[in-house]
C-alpha atoms as a PDB file:
ATOM      1  CA  MET A   1      13.632 -21.710 -15.485  1.00  0.00           C
ATOM      2  CA  ASN A   2      14.603 -18.611 -17.494  1.00  0.00           C
ATOM      3  CA  ARG A   3      17.897 -20.238 -18.489  1.00  0.00           C
ATOM      4  CA  TYR A   4      16.030 -23.183 -19.994  1.00  0.00           C
ATOM      5  CA  VAL A   5      13.755 -20.908 -22.013  1.00  0.00           C
ATOM      6  CA  LEU A   6      16.765 -18.939 -23.246  1.00  0.00           C
ATOM      7  CA  ALA A   7      18.607 -22.138 -24.182  1.00  0.00           C
ATOM      8  CA  LEU A   8      15.589 -23.368 -26.135  1.00  0.00           C
ATOM      9  CA  LEU A   9      15.310 -20.057 -27.990  1.00  0.00           C
ATOM     10  CA  VAL A  10      18.992 -20.136 -28.932  1.00  0.00           C
ATOM     11  CA  LEU A  11      18.677 -23.729 -30.125  1.00  0.00           C
ATOM     12  CA  ALA A  12      15.559 -22.949 -32.154  1.00  0.00           C
ATOM     13  CA  SER A  13      17.172 -19.927 -33.807  1.00  0.00           C
ATOM     14  CA  SER A  14      20.275 -21.895 -34.794  1.00  0.00           C
ATOM     15  CA  VAL A  15      18.114 -24.602 -36.372  1.00  0.00           C
ATOM     16  CA  ALA A  16      16.154 -21.959 -38.289  1.00  0.00           C
ATOM     17  CA  LEU A  17      19.391 -20.439 -39.628  1.00  0.00           C
ATOM     18  CA  ALA A  18      20.610 -23.844 -40.800  1.00  0.00           C
ATOM     19  CA  ASP A  19      17.696 -24.008 -43.253  1.00  0.00           C
ATOM     20  CA  GLY A  20      18.346 -20.481 -44.557  1.00  0.00           C
ATOM     21  CA  GLU A  21      20.047 -21.340 -47.825  1.00  0.00           C
ATOM     22  CA  ILE A  22      20.204 -18.605 -50.426  1.00  0.00           C
ATOM     23  CA  ARG A  23      19.256 -19.759 -53.905  1.00  0.00           C
ATOM     24  CA  LEU A  24      21.870 -18.771 -56.463  1.00  0.00           C
ATOM     25  CA  ASP A  25      21.422 -19.472 -60.183  1.00  0.00           C
ATOM     26  CA  VAL A  26      24.603 -19.459 -62.254  1.00  0.00           C
ATOM     27  CA  GLU A  27      24.464 -19.903 -66.012  1.00  0.00           C
ATOM     28  CA  LEU A  28      26.775 -22.541 -67.458  1.00  0.00           C
ATOM     29  CA  GLY A  29      30.066 -20.850 -68.386  1.00  0.00           C
ATOM     30  CA  LYS A  30      29.062 -17.524 -66.783  1.00  0.00           C
ATOM     31  CA  GLN A  31      30.410 -15.811 -63.675  1.00  0.00           C
ATOM     32  CA  VAL A  32      28.460 -14.504 -60.689  1.00  0.00           C
ATOM     33  CA  GLU A  33      29.983 -12.343 -57.958  1.00  0.00           C
ATOM     34  CA  VAL A  34      28.596 -12.275 -54.413  1.00  0.00           C
ATOM     35  CA  ASP A  35      29.767  -9.860 -51.696  1.00  0.00           C
ATOM     36  CA  VAL A  36      30.441 -12.068 -48.671  1.00  0.00           C
ATOM     37  CA  GLY A  37      31.828  -9.458 -46.301  1.00  0.00           C
ATOM     38  CA  TYR A  38      34.796 -10.733 -44.332  1.00  0.00           C
ATOM     39  CA  VAL A  39      34.318 -14.500 -44.571  1.00  0.00           C
ATOM     40  CA  ARG A  40      37.104 -16.734 -45.836  1.00  0.00           C
ATOM     41  CA  GLY A  41      37.079 -20.133 -47.482  1.00  0.00           C
ATOM     42  CA  TRP A  42      34.409 -21.996 -49.402  1.00  0.00           C
ATOM     43  CA  MET A  43      33.349 -25.566 -50.127  1.00  0.00           C
ATOM     44  CA  CYS A  44      30.604 -27.223 -52.155  1.00  0.00           C
ATOM     45  CA  ASP A  45      29.041 -30.658 -51.805  1.00  0.00           C
ATOM     46  CA  ASP A  46      29.788 -31.241 -55.512  1.00  0.00           C
ATOM     47  CA  PRO A  47      32.771 -29.041 -56.422  1.00  0.00           C
ATOM     48  CA  SER A  48      32.797 -30.369 -60.003  1.00  0.00           C
ATOM     49  CA  LEU A  49      29.830 -28.105 -60.834  1.00  0.00           C
ATOM     50  CA  VAL A  50      31.714 -24.840 -60.302  1.00  0.00           C
ATOM     51  CA  THR A  51      35.031 -23.085 -60.311  1.00  0.00           C
ATOM     52  CA  ALA A  52      35.253 -20.429 -57.643  1.00  0.00           C
ATOM     53  CA  GLU A  53      37.528 -18.188 -55.655  1.00  0.00           C
ATOM     54  CA  ILE A  54      37.327 -15.504 -52.999  1.00  0.00           C
ATOM     55  CA  VAL A  55      39.036 -12.209 -53.773  1.00  0.00           C
ATOM     56  CA  THR A  56      39.340  -9.059 -51.692  1.00  0.00           C
ATOM     57  CA  ARG A  57      38.104  -5.774 -53.159  1.00  0.00           C
ATOM     58  CA  GLU A  58      38.093  -2.538 -51.178  1.00  0.00           C
ATOM     59  CA  ASP A  59      38.282  -4.251 -47.781  1.00  0.00           C
ATOM     60  CA  ARG A  60      35.471  -6.732 -48.603  1.00  0.00           C
ATOM     61  CA  ASN A  61      35.582 -10.305 -49.863  1.00  0.00           C
ATOM     62  CA  VAL A  62      33.793 -11.313 -53.043  1.00  0.00           C
ATOM     63  CA  TRP A  63      32.999 -14.934 -53.937  1.00  0.00           C
ATOM     64  CA  ILE A  64      33.366 -15.342 -57.690  1.00  0.00           C
ATOM     65  CA  VAL A  65      31.704 -18.507 -58.953  1.00  0.00           C
ATOM     66  CA  THR A  66      31.501 -19.853 -62.512  1.00  0.00           C
ATOM     67  CA  GLY A  67      29.151 -22.610 -63.661  1.00  0.00           C
ATOM     68  CA  ALA A  68      31.195 -25.574 -64.960  1.00  0.00           C
ATOM     69  CA  LYS A  69      28.583 -28.347 -65.266  1.00  0.00           C
ATOM     70  CA  LEU A  70      24.766 -28.439 -65.113  1.00  0.00           C
ATOM     71  CA  GLY A  71      23.282 -29.452 -61.776  1.00  0.00           C
ATOM     72  CA  HIS A  72      22.814 -28.178 -58.249  1.00  0.00           C
ATOM     73  CA  THR A  73      24.768 -28.355 -55.021  1.00  0.00           C
ATOM     74  CA  LEU A  74      24.971 -26.741 -51.616  1.00  0.00           C
ATOM     75  CA  CYS A  75      27.934 -24.426 -51.075  1.00  0.00           C
ATOM     76  CA  ARG A  76      29.148 -22.905 -47.847  1.00  0.00           C
ATOM     77  CA  VAL A  77      31.128 -19.696 -48.051  1.00  0.00           C
ATOM     78  CA  GLY A  78      32.867 -18.963 -44.780  1.00  0.00           C
ATOM     79  CA  THR A  79      34.666 -22.077 -43.555  1.00  0.00           C
ATOM     80  CA  ASP A  80      36.834 -20.409 -40.901  1.00  0.00           C
ATOM     81  CA  PRO A  81      35.470 -21.628 -37.539  1.00  0.00           C
ATOM     82  CA  THR A  82      36.797 -18.531 -35.751  1.00  0.00           C
ATOM     83  CA  MET A  83      34.498 -16.273 -37.796  1.00  0.00           C
ATOM     84  CA  PRO A  84      30.879 -16.008 -36.628  1.00  0.00           C
ATOM     85  CA  ARG A  85      29.353 -15.461 -40.088  1.00  0.00           C
ATOM     86  CA  HIS A  86      28.910 -17.798 -43.050  1.00  0.00           C
ATOM     87  CA  TYR A  87      26.604 -18.176 -46.060  1.00  0.00           C
ATOM     88  CA  VAL A  88      24.977 -21.308 -47.447  1.00  0.00           C
ATOM     89  CA  PHE A  89      23.992 -21.192 -51.110  1.00  0.00           C
ATOM     90  CA  ASP A  90      21.628 -23.580 -52.870  1.00  0.00           C
ATOM     91  CA  LEU A  91      23.581 -23.221 -56.085  1.00  0.00           C
ATOM     92  CA  HIS A  92      21.992 -24.181 -59.410  1.00  0.00           C
ATOM     93  CA  VAL A  93      24.060 -24.255 -62.585  1.00  0.00           C
ATOM     94  CA  VAL A  94      21.505 -23.690 -65.350  1.00  0.00           C
ATOM     95  CA  GLU A  95      21.473 -23.514 -69.149  1.00  0.00           C
ATOM     96  CA  PRO A  96      22.561 -20.145 -70.528  1.00  0.00           C
ATOM     97  CA  LYS A  97      19.751 -17.853 -71.616  1.00  0.00           C
ATOM     98  CA  PRO A  98      19.429 -17.642 -75.407  1.00  0.00           C
ATOM     99  CA  ARG A  99      20.827 -14.517 -77.000  1.00  0.00           C
ATOM    100  CA  LYS A 100      18.351 -12.213 -78.692  1.00  0.00           C
END
């Protein structure tokens, strides 16, 4: 009985994490940097909206993303299946803020 309860809790927690996207607004033509720890690889549902790369700085990986076209897409950073961690971003490329 306890194994079934534990299995249900694990299943419920994995479903909850799947909905845990992080909203990320990127201005058109601007760059945003996100510390992603040790994850490697990235992919977006609509890769035409961004240009991006992962670089290593001081033993940490940084995802550098630039808005290329207005719109929104889901992006996963951390595509290596041997790594336990990944990030899912609800990425919105938005109009640049007006200069003052």
